[in-house]
């Protein structure tokens, strides 16, 4: 397949690099550590013992954790192609 200025396999390499970057970002995401709180840091409801045992270092109850996870966090993407359209921003 003709790729213009790109060499053969360049698109596949870009896709693999994007996937690797995203996996590394997810693995680096900070997990709770330390001692779990008995009461939620936001609403002060008691955190069930089973949750504290399952997630060491947990600071939020289930409801508050779900609300926080529901908030959409957008992040800027990386334009690996460097197209003219992306340079016009």
PDB file of N, CA and C in Angstrom:
ATOM      1  N   UNK A   1       0.840  -1.181   0.000  1.00  0.00           N
ATOM      2  CA  UNK A   1       0.000   0.000   0.000  1.00  0.00           C
ATOM      3  C   UNK A   1       0.882   1.241   0.000  1.00  0.00           C
ATOM      4  N   UNK A   2       0.543   2.210  -0.794  1.00  0.00           N
ATOM      5  CA  UNK A   2       1.316   3.441  -0.873  1.00  0.00           C
ATOM      6  C   UNK A   2       1.037   4.299   0.354  1.00  0.00           C
ATOM      7  N   UNK A   3       2.065   4.861   0.913  1.00  0.00           N
ATOM      8  CA  UNK A   3       1.902   5.666   2.115  1.00  0.00           C
ATOM      9  C   UNK A   3       2.355   7.091   1.950  1.00  0.00           C
ATOM     10  N   UNK A   4       2.525   7.553   0.742  1.00  0.00           N
ATOM     11  CA  UNK A   4       2.993   8.921   0.540  1.00  0.00           C
ATOM     12  C   UNK A   4       4.422   9.055   1.032  1.00  0.00           C
ATOM     13  N   UNK A   5       4.650  10.006   1.938  1.00  0.00           N
ATOM     14  CA  UNK A   5       5.983  10.225   2.480  1.00  0.00           C
ATOM     15  C   UNK A   5       6.315   9.244   3.602  1.00  0.00           C
ATOM     16  N   UNK A   6       5.330   8.576   4.141  1.00  0.00           N
ATOM     17  CA  UNK A   6       5.572   7.652   5.251  1.00  0.00           C
ATOM     18  C   UNK A   6       6.105   6.326   4.729  1.00  0.00           C
ATOM     19  N   UNK A   7       6.971   5.721   5.495  1.00  0.00           N
ATOM     20  CA  UNK A   7       7.500   4.420   5.105  1.00  0.00           C
ATOM     21  C   UNK A   7       6.465   3.342   5.438  1.00  0.00           C
ATOM     22  N   UNK A   8       6.668   2.149   4.915  1.00  0.00           N
ATOM     23  CA  UNK A   8       5.746   1.044   5.166  1.00  0.00           C
ATOM     24  C   UNK A   8       5.695   0.741   6.664  1.00  0.00           C
ATOM     25  N   UNK A   9       4.499   0.555   7.176  1.00  0.00           N
ATOM     26  CA  UNK A   9       4.320   0.207   8.581  1.00  0.00           C
ATOM     27  C   UNK A   9       4.301   1.393   9.527  1.00  0.00           C
ATOM     28  N   UNK A  10       4.437   2.609   9.019  1.00  0.00           N
ATOM     29  CA  UNK A  10       4.493   3.792   9.879  1.00  0.00           C
ATOM     30  C   UNK A  10       3.179   4.007  10.624  1.00  0.00           C
ATOM     31  N   UNK A  11       2.065   3.775   9.949  1.00  0.00           N
ATOM     32  CA  UNK A  11       0.768   3.963  10.586  1.00  0.00           C
ATOM     33  C   UNK A  11       0.583   2.963  11.717  1.00  0.00           C
ATOM     34  N   UNK A  12       0.953   1.719  11.475  1.00  0.00           N
ATOM     35  CA  UNK A  12       0.857   0.695  12.525  1.00  0.00           C
ATOM     36  C   UNK A  12       1.737   1.050  13.710  1.00  0.00           C
ATOM     37  N   UNK A  13       2.920   1.574  13.444  1.00  0.00           N
ATOM     38  CA  UNK A  13       3.812   1.982  14.533  1.00  0.00           C
ATOM     39  C   UNK A  13       3.212   3.126  15.336  1.00  0.00           C
ATOM     40  N   UNK A  14       2.547   4.058  14.670  1.00  0.00           N
ATOM     41  CA  UNK A  14       1.907   5.170  15.367  1.00  0.00           C
ATOM     42  C   UNK A  14       0.781   4.673  16.267  1.00  0.00           C
ATOM     43  N   UNK A  15      -0.009   3.734  15.763  1.00  0.00           N
ATOM     44  CA  UNK A  15      -1.108   3.176  16.554  1.00  0.00           C
ATOM     45  C   UNK A  15      -0.555   2.439  17.761  1.00  0.00           C
ATOM     46  N   UNK A  16       0.466   1.621  17.559  1.00  0.00           N
ATOM     47  CA  UNK A  16       1.070   0.877  18.664  1.00  0.00           C
ATOM     48  C   UNK A  16       1.680   1.814  19.697  1.00  0.00           C
ATOM     49  N   UNK A  17       2.303   2.893  19.247  1.00  0.00           N
ATOM     50  CA  UNK A  17       2.889   3.865  20.171  1.00  0.00           C
ATOM     51  C   UNK A  17       1.805   4.557  20.994  1.00  0.00           C
ATOM     52  N   UNK A  18       0.688   4.888  20.365  1.00  0.00           N
ATOM     53  CA  UNK A  18      -0.424   5.511  21.088  1.00  0.00           C
ATOM     54  C   UNK A  18      -0.989   4.569  22.140  1.00  0.00           C
ATOM     55  N   UNK A  19      -1.146   3.313  21.793  1.00  0.00           N
ATOM     56  CA  UNK A  19      -1.661   2.325  22.738  1.00  0.00           C
ATOM     57  C   UNK A  19      -0.682   2.140  23.900  1.00  0.00           C
ATOM     58  N   UNK A  20       0.602   2.051  23.590  1.00  0.00           N
ATOM     59  CA  UNK A  20       1.612   1.900  24.639  1.00  0.00           C
ATOM     60  C   UNK A  20       1.619   3.093  25.587  1.00  0.00           C
ATOM     61  N   UNK A  21       1.500   4.296  25.034  1.00  0.00           N
ATOM     62  CA  UNK A  21       1.458   5.501  25.861  1.00  0.00           C
ATOM     63  C   UNK A  21       0.259   5.480  26.804  1.00  0.00           C
ATOM     64  N   UNK A  22      -0.897   5.105  26.281  1.00  0.00           N
ATOM     65  CA  UNK A  22      -2.111   5.084  27.099  1.00  0.00           C
ATOM     66  C   UNK A  22      -2.016   4.013  28.182  1.00  0.00           C
ATOM     67  N   UNK A  23      -1.491   2.837  27.851  1.00  0.00           N
ATOM     68  CA  UNK A  23      -1.325   1.789  28.860  1.00  0.00           C
ATOM     69  C   UNK A  23      -0.360   2.222  29.956  1.00  0.00           C
ATOM     70  N   UNK A  24       0.714   2.883  29.586  1.00  0.00           N
ATOM     71  CA  UNK A  24       1.668   3.377  30.583  1.00  0.00           C
ATOM     72  C   UNK A  24       1.019   4.413  31.481  1.00  0.00           C
ATOM     73  N   UNK A  25       0.181   5.280  30.898  1.00  0.00           N
ATOM     74  CA  UNK A  25      -0.517   6.294  31.698  1.00  0.00           C
ATOM     75  C   UNK A  25      -1.461   5.646  32.695  1.00  0.00           C
ATOM     76  N   UNK A  26      -2.184   4.611  32.249  1.00  0.00           N
ATOM     77  CA  UNK A  26      -3.111   3.929  33.140  1.00  0.00           C
ATOM     78  C   UNK A  26      -2.390   3.179  34.255  1.00  0.00           C
ATOM     79  N   UNK A  27      -1.260   2.554  33.927  1.00  0.00           N
ATOM     80  CA  UNK A  27      -0.500   1.834  34.952  1.00  0.00           C
ATOM     81  C   UNK A  27       0.103   2.789  35.967  1.00  0.00           C
ATOM     82  N   UNK A  28       0.462   3.978  35.520  1.00  0.00           N
ATOM     83  CA  UNK A  28       1.085   4.956  36.405  1.00  0.00           C
ATOM     84  C   UNK A  28       0.063   5.675  37.281  1.00  0.00           C
ATOM     85  N   UNK A  29      -1.212   5.488  36.985  1.00  0.00           N
ATOM     86  CA  UNK A  29      -2.247   6.148  37.772  1.00  0.00           C
ATOM     87  C   UNK A  29      -2.121   5.734  39.223  1.00  0.00           C
ATOM     88  N   UNK A  30      -2.126   6.685  40.044  1.00  0.00           N
ATOM     89  CA  UNK A  30      -1.850   6.471  41.458  1.00  0.00           C
ATOM     90  C   UNK A  30      -2.976   5.706  42.141  1.00  0.00           C
ATOM     91  N   UNK A  31      -2.613   4.646  42.828  1.00  0.00           N
ATOM     92  CA  UNK A  31      -3.556   3.841  43.588  1.00  0.00           C
ATOM     93  C   UNK A  31      -3.486   4.253  45.066  1.00  0.00           C
ATOM     94  N   UNK A  32      -4.590   4.106  45.810  1.00  0.00           N
ATOM     95  CA  UNK A  32      -4.549   4.470  47.232  1.00  0.00           C
ATOM     96  C   UNK A  32      -3.541   3.599  47.990  1.00  0.00           C
ATOM     97  N   UNK A  33      -2.809   4.220  48.884  1.00  0.00           N
ATOM     98  CA  UNK A  33      -1.865   3.491  49.715  1.00  0.00           C
ATOM     99  C   UNK A  33      -2.007   3.972  51.150  1.00  0.00           C
ATOM    100  N   UNK A  34      -1.437   3.230  52.062  1.00  0.00           N
ATOM    101  CA  UNK A  34      -1.478   3.622  53.468  1.00  0.00           C
ATOM    102  C   UNK A  34      -2.698   3.065  54.157  1.00  0.00           C
ATOM    103  N   UNK A  35      -3.012   3.672  55.269  1.00  0.00           N
ATOM    104  CA  UNK A  35      -4.121   3.206  56.089  1.00  0.00           C
ATOM    105  C   UNK A  35      -5.445   3.754  55.554  1.00  0.00           C
ATOM    106  N   UNK A  36      -6.444   2.901  55.523  1.00  0.00           N
ATOM    107  CA  UNK A  36      -7.767   3.319  55.063  1.00  0.00           C
ATOM    108  C   UNK A  36      -8.441   4.179  56.127  1.00  0.00           C
ATOM    109  N   UNK A  37      -9.266   5.092  55.653  1.00  0.00           N
ATOM    110  CA  UNK A  37     -10.060   5.888  56.575  1.00  0.00           C
ATOM    111  C   UNK A  37     -11.288   5.101  57.001  1.00  0.00           C
ATOM    112  N   UNK A  38     -11.753   5.332  58.207  1.00  0.00           N
ATOM    113  CA  UNK A  38     -12.973   4.686  58.687  1.00  0.00           C
ATOM    114  C   UNK A  38     -14.195   5.411  58.135  1.00  0.00           C
ATOM    115  N   UNK A  39     -14.064   6.729  57.972  1.00  0.00           N
ATOM    116  CA  UNK A  39     -15.167   7.535  57.458  1.00  0.00           C
ATOM    117  C   UNK A  39     -14.727   8.246  56.176  1.00  0.00           C
ATOM    118  N   UNK A  40     -15.670   8.417  55.258  1.00  0.00           N
ATOM    119  CA  UNK A  40     -15.409   9.032  53.955  1.00  0.00           C
ATOM    120  C   UNK A  40     -14.858  10.448  54.133  1.00  0.00           C
ATOM    121  N   UNK A  41     -13.860  10.792  53.334  1.00  0.00           N
ATOM    122  CA  UNK A  41     -13.237  12.113  53.393  1.00  0.00           C
ATOM    123  C   UNK A  41     -14.161  13.208  52.867  1.00  0.00           C
ATOM    124  N   UNK A  42     -15.188  12.862  52.096  1.00  0.00           N
ATOM    125  CA  UNK A  42     -16.075  13.878  51.526  1.00  0.00           C
ATOM    126  C   UNK A  42     -17.400  13.996  52.270  1.00  0.00           C
ATOM    127  N   UNK A  43     -18.079  12.876  52.472  1.00  0.00           N
ATOM    128  CA  UNK A  43     -19.423  12.946  53.063  1.00  0.00           C
ATOM    129  C   UNK A  43     -19.469  12.483  54.516  1.00  0.00           C
ATOM    130  N   UNK A  44     -18.377  11.958  55.024  1.00  0.00           N
ATOM    131  CA  UNK A  44     -18.229  11.506  56.403  1.00  0.00           C
ATOM    132  C   UNK A  44     -19.116  10.317  56.765  1.00  0.00           C
ATOM    133  N   UNK A  45     -19.610   9.596  55.759  1.00  0.00           N
ATOM    134  CA  UNK A  45     -20.315   8.331  55.995  1.00  0.00           C
ATOM    135  C   UNK A  45     -19.283   7.259  56.302  1.00  0.00           C
ATOM    136  N   UNK A  46     -19.688   6.237  57.040  1.00  0.00           N
ATOM    137  CA  UNK A  46     -18.763   5.163  57.373  1.00  0.00           C
ATOM    138  C   UNK A  46     -18.446   4.337  56.121  1.00  0.00           C
ATOM    139  N   UNK A  47     -17.174   4.030  55.945  1.00  0.00           N
ATOM    140  CA  UNK A  47     -16.744   3.176  54.837  1.00  0.00           C
ATOM    141  C   UNK A  47     -16.822   1.735  55.331  1.00  0.00           C
ATOM    142  N   UNK A  48     -17.542   0.856  54.623  1.00  0.00           N
ATOM    143  CA  UNK A  48     -17.676  -0.535  55.073  1.00  0.00           C
ATOM    144  C   UNK A  48     -16.310  -1.215  55.237  1.00  0.00           C
ATOM    145  N   UNK A  49     -16.215  -2.057  56.253  1.00  0.00           N
ATOM    146  CA  UNK A  49     -14.959  -2.735  56.558  1.00  0.00           C
ATOM    147  C   UNK A  49     -14.463  -3.570  55.383  1.00  0.00           C
ATOM    148  N   UNK A  50     -15.391  -4.221  54.691  1.00  0.00           N
ATOM    149  CA  UNK A  50     -14.987  -5.052  53.553  1.00  0.00           C
ATOM    150  C   UNK A  50     -14.342  -4.215  52.451  1.00  0.00           C
ATOM    151  N   UNK A  51     -14.830  -2.994  52.239  1.00  0.00           N
ATOM    152  CA  UNK A  51     -14.221  -2.099  51.246  1.00  0.00           C
ATOM    153  C   UNK A  51     -12.830  -1.684  51.703  1.00  0.00           C
ATOM    154  N   UNK A  52     -12.675  -1.383  52.986  1.00  0.00           N
ATOM    155  CA  UNK A  52     -11.370  -0.990  53.511  1.00  0.00           C
ATOM    156  C   UNK A  52     -10.362  -2.132  53.399  1.00  0.00           C
ATOM    157  N   UNK A  53     -10.823  -3.367  53.553  1.00  0.00           N
ATOM    158  CA  UNK A  53      -9.932  -4.515  53.429  1.00  0.00           C
ATOM    159  C   UNK A  53      -9.572  -4.776  51.965  1.00  0.00           C
ATOM    160  N   UNK A  54     -10.543  -4.588  51.075  1.00  0.00           N
ATOM    161  CA  UNK A  54     -10.322  -4.865  49.647  1.00  0.00           C
ATOM    162  C   UNK A  54      -9.423  -3.810  48.992  1.00  0.00           C
ATOM    163  N   UNK A  55      -9.544  -2.560  49.432  1.00  0.00           N
ATOM    164  CA  UNK A  55      -8.776  -1.455  48.851  1.00  0.00           C
ATOM    165  C   UNK A  55      -7.978  -0.747  49.944  1.00  0.00           C
ATOM    166  N   UNK A  56      -6.810  -1.244  50.270  1.00  0.00           N
ATOM    167  CA  UNK A  56      -6.010  -0.581  51.306  1.00  0.00           C
ATOM    168  C   UNK A  56      -5.737   0.872  50.931  1.00  0.00           C
ATOM    169  N   UNK A  57      -5.948   1.763  51.872  1.00  0.00           N
ATOM    170  CA  UNK A  57      -5.714   3.180  51.631  1.00  0.00           C
ATOM    171  C   UNK A  57      -6.920   3.916  51.080  1.00  0.00           C
ATOM    172  N   UNK A  58      -8.074   3.276  51.039  1.00  0.00           N
ATOM    173  CA  UNK A  58      -9.272   3.912  50.484  1.00  0.00           C
ATOM    174  C   UNK A  58      -9.680   5.093  51.366  1.00  0.00           C
ATOM    175  N   UNK A  59     -10.089   6.184  50.722  1.00  0.00           N
ATOM    176  CA  UNK A  59     -10.451   7.411  51.429  1.00  0.00           C
ATOM    177  C   UNK A  59     -11.907   7.818  51.206  1.00  0.00           C
ATOM    178  N   UNK A  60     -12.567   7.206  50.197  1.00  0.00           N
ATOM    179  CA  UNK A  60     -13.929   7.590  49.851  1.00  0.00           C
ATOM    180  C   UNK A  60     -14.879   6.404  49.957  1.00  0.00           C
ATOM    181  N   UNK A  61     -16.138   6.691  50.292  1.00  0.00           N
ATOM    182  CA  UNK A  61     -17.158   5.649  50.275  1.00  0.00           C
ATOM    183  C   UNK A  61     -17.494   5.311  48.819  1.00  0.00           C
ATOM    184  N   UNK A  62     -18.299   4.291  48.623  1.00  0.00           N
ATOM    185  CA  UNK A  62     -18.629   3.843  47.271  1.00  0.00           C
ATOM    186  C   UNK A  62     -19.344   4.945  46.490  1.00  0.00           C
ATOM    187  N   UNK A  63     -20.318   5.604  47.115  1.00  0.00           N
ATOM    188  CA  UNK A  63     -21.086   6.640  46.418  1.00  0.00           C
ATOM    189  C   UNK A  63     -20.202   7.804  45.972  1.00  0.00           C
ATOM    190  N   UNK A  64     -19.353   8.289  46.868  1.00  0.00           N
ATOM    191  CA  UNK A  64     -18.478   9.411  46.519  1.00  0.00           C
ATOM    192  C   UNK A  64     -17.448   9.002  45.462  1.00  0.00           C
ATOM    193  N   UNK A  65     -16.951   7.775  45.537  1.00  0.00           N
ATOM    194  CA  UNK A  65     -15.993   7.290  44.545  1.00  0.00           C
ATOM    195  C   UNK A  65     -16.652   7.202  43.170  1.00  0.00           C
ATOM    196  N   UNK A  66     -17.911   6.760  43.124  1.00  0.00           N
ATOM    197  CA  UNK A  66     -18.624   6.679  41.854  1.00  0.00           C
ATOM    198  C   UNK A  66     -18.889   8.065  41.282  1.00  0.00           C
ATOM    199  N   UNK A  67     -19.242   9.025  42.134  1.00  0.00           N
ATOM    200  CA  UNK A  67     -19.474  10.394  41.659  1.00  0.00           C
ATOM    201  C   UNK A  67     -18.192  10.989  41.076  1.00  0.00           C
ATOM    202  N   UNK A  68     -17.083  10.743  41.754  1.00  0.00           N
ATOM    203  CA  UNK A  68     -15.809  11.275  41.274  1.00  0.00           C
ATOM    204  C   UNK A  68     -15.412  10.627  39.949  1.00  0.00           C
ATOM    205  N   UNK A  69     -15.655   9.327  39.821  1.00  0.00           N
ATOM    206  CA  UNK A  69     -15.312   8.617  38.584  1.00  0.00           C
ATOM    207  C   UNK A  69     -16.204   9.058  37.426  1.00  0.00           C
ATOM    208  N   UNK A  70     -17.417   9.497  37.729  1.00  0.00           N
ATOM    209  CA  UNK A  70     -18.351   9.907  36.684  1.00  0.00           C
ATOM    210  C   UNK A  70     -17.972  11.256  36.072  1.00  0.00           C
ATOM    211  N   UNK A  71     -17.203  12.046  36.797  1.00  0.00           N
ATOM    212  CA  UNK A  71     -16.790  13.337  36.267  1.00  0.00           C
ATOM    213  C   UNK A  71     -15.814  13.099  35.126  1.00  0.00           C
ATOM    214  N   UNK A  72     -16.134  13.658  33.991  1.00  0.00           N
ATOM    215  CA  UNK A  72     -15.310  13.451  32.799  1.00  0.00           C
ATOM    216  C   UNK A  72     -14.054  14.304  32.914  1.00  0.00           C
ATOM    217  N   UNK A  73     -12.914  13.656  32.733  1.00  0.00           N
ATOM    218  CA  UNK A  73     -11.649  14.372  32.741  1.00  0.00           C
ATOM    219  C   UNK A  73     -11.050  14.262  31.345  1.00  0.00           C
ATOM    220  N   UNK A  74     -11.006  15.393  30.668  1.00  0.00           N
ATOM    221  CA  UNK A  74     -10.443  15.384  29.325  1.00  0.00           C
ATOM    222  C   UNK A  74      -8.963  15.709  29.406  1.00  0.00           C
ATOM    223  N   UNK A  75      -8.226  15.182  28.473  1.00  0.00           N
ATOM    224  CA  UNK A  75      -6.802  15.479  28.406  1.00  0.00           C
ATOM    225  C   UNK A  75      -6.447  15.667  26.954  1.00  0.00           C
ATOM    226  N   UNK A  76      -5.433  16.436  26.715  1.00  0.00           N
ATOM    227  CA  UNK A  76      -5.008  16.724  25.357  1.00  0.00           C
ATOM    228  C   UNK A  76      -4.360  15.514  24.715  1.00  0.00           C
ATOM    229  N   UNK A  77      -4.688  15.289  23.473  1.00  0.00           N
ATOM    230  CA  UNK A  77      -4.088  14.184  22.750  1.00  0.00           C
ATOM    231  C   UNK A  77      -2.794  14.605  22.077  1.00  0.00           C
ATOM    232  N   UNK A  78      -2.087  13.646  21.593  1.00  0.00           N
ATOM    233  CA  UNK A  78      -0.836  13.901  20.900  1.00  0.00           C
ATOM    234  C   UNK A  78      -1.072  13.669  19.412  1.00  0.00           C
ATOM    235  N   UNK A  79      -0.761  14.668  18.627  1.00  0.00           N
ATOM    236  CA  UNK A  79      -0.888  14.521  17.189  1.00  0.00           C
ATOM    237  C   UNK A  79       0.442  14.017  16.666  1.00  0.00           C
ATOM    238  N   UNK A  80       0.505  12.731  16.400  1.00  0.00           N
ATOM    239  CA  UNK A  80       1.755  12.138  15.939  1.00  0.00           C
ATOM    240  C   UNK A  80       2.007  12.395  14.453  1.00  0.00           C
ATOM    241  N   UNK A  81       0.992  12.800  13.730  1.00  0.00           N
ATOM    242  CA  UNK A  81       1.156  12.978  12.292  1.00  0.00           C
ATOM    243  C   UNK A  81       1.677  14.376  11.948  1.00  0.00           C
ATOM    244  N   UNK A  82       1.413  15.350  12.800  1.00  0.00           N
ATOM    245  CA  UNK A  82       1.878  16.701  12.512  1.00  0.00           C
ATOM    246  C   UNK A  82       1.245  17.276  11.266  1.00  0.00           C
ATOM    247  N   UNK A  83      -0.064  17.030  11.071  1.00  0.00           N
ATOM    248  CA  UNK A  83      -0.730  17.522   9.869  1.00  0.00           C
ATOM    249  C   UNK A  83      -0.851  19.043   9.898  1.00  0.00           C
ATOM    250  N   UNK A  84      -1.073  19.621   8.739  1.00  0.00           N
ATOM    251  CA  UNK A  84      -1.196  21.066   8.638  1.00  0.00           C
ATOM    252  C   UNK A  84      -2.379  21.565   9.452  1.00  0.00           C
ATOM    253  N   UNK A  85      -3.467  20.798   9.481  1.00  0.00           N
ATOM    254  CA  UNK A  85      -4.640  21.217  10.230  1.00  0.00           C
ATOM    255  C   UNK A  85      -4.313  21.408  11.703  1.00  0.00           C
ATOM    256  N   UNK A  86      -3.508  20.522  12.261  1.00  0.00           N
ATOM    257  CA  UNK A  86      -3.196  20.616  13.679  1.00  0.00           C
ATOM    258  C   UNK A  86      -2.265  21.796  13.963  1.00  0.00           C
ATOM    259  N   UNK A  87      -1.521  22.238  12.981  1.00  0.00           N
ATOM    260  CA  UNK A  87      -0.593  23.339  13.176  1.00  0.00           C
ATOM    261  C   UNK A  87      -1.271  24.691  13.045  1.00  0.00           C
ATOM    262  N   UNK A  88      -2.523  24.703  12.604  1.00  0.00           N
ATOM    263  CA  UNK A  88      -3.247  25.960  12.432  1.00  0.00           C
ATOM    264  C   UNK A  88      -3.945  26.423  13.696  1.00  0.00           C
ATOM    265  N   UNK A  89      -3.899  25.615  14.752  1.00  0.00           N
ATOM    266  CA  UNK A  89      -4.594  25.965  16.002  1.00  0.00           C
ATOM    267  C   UNK A  89      -4.000  27.183  16.647  1.00  0.00           C
TER     268      UNK A  89
END
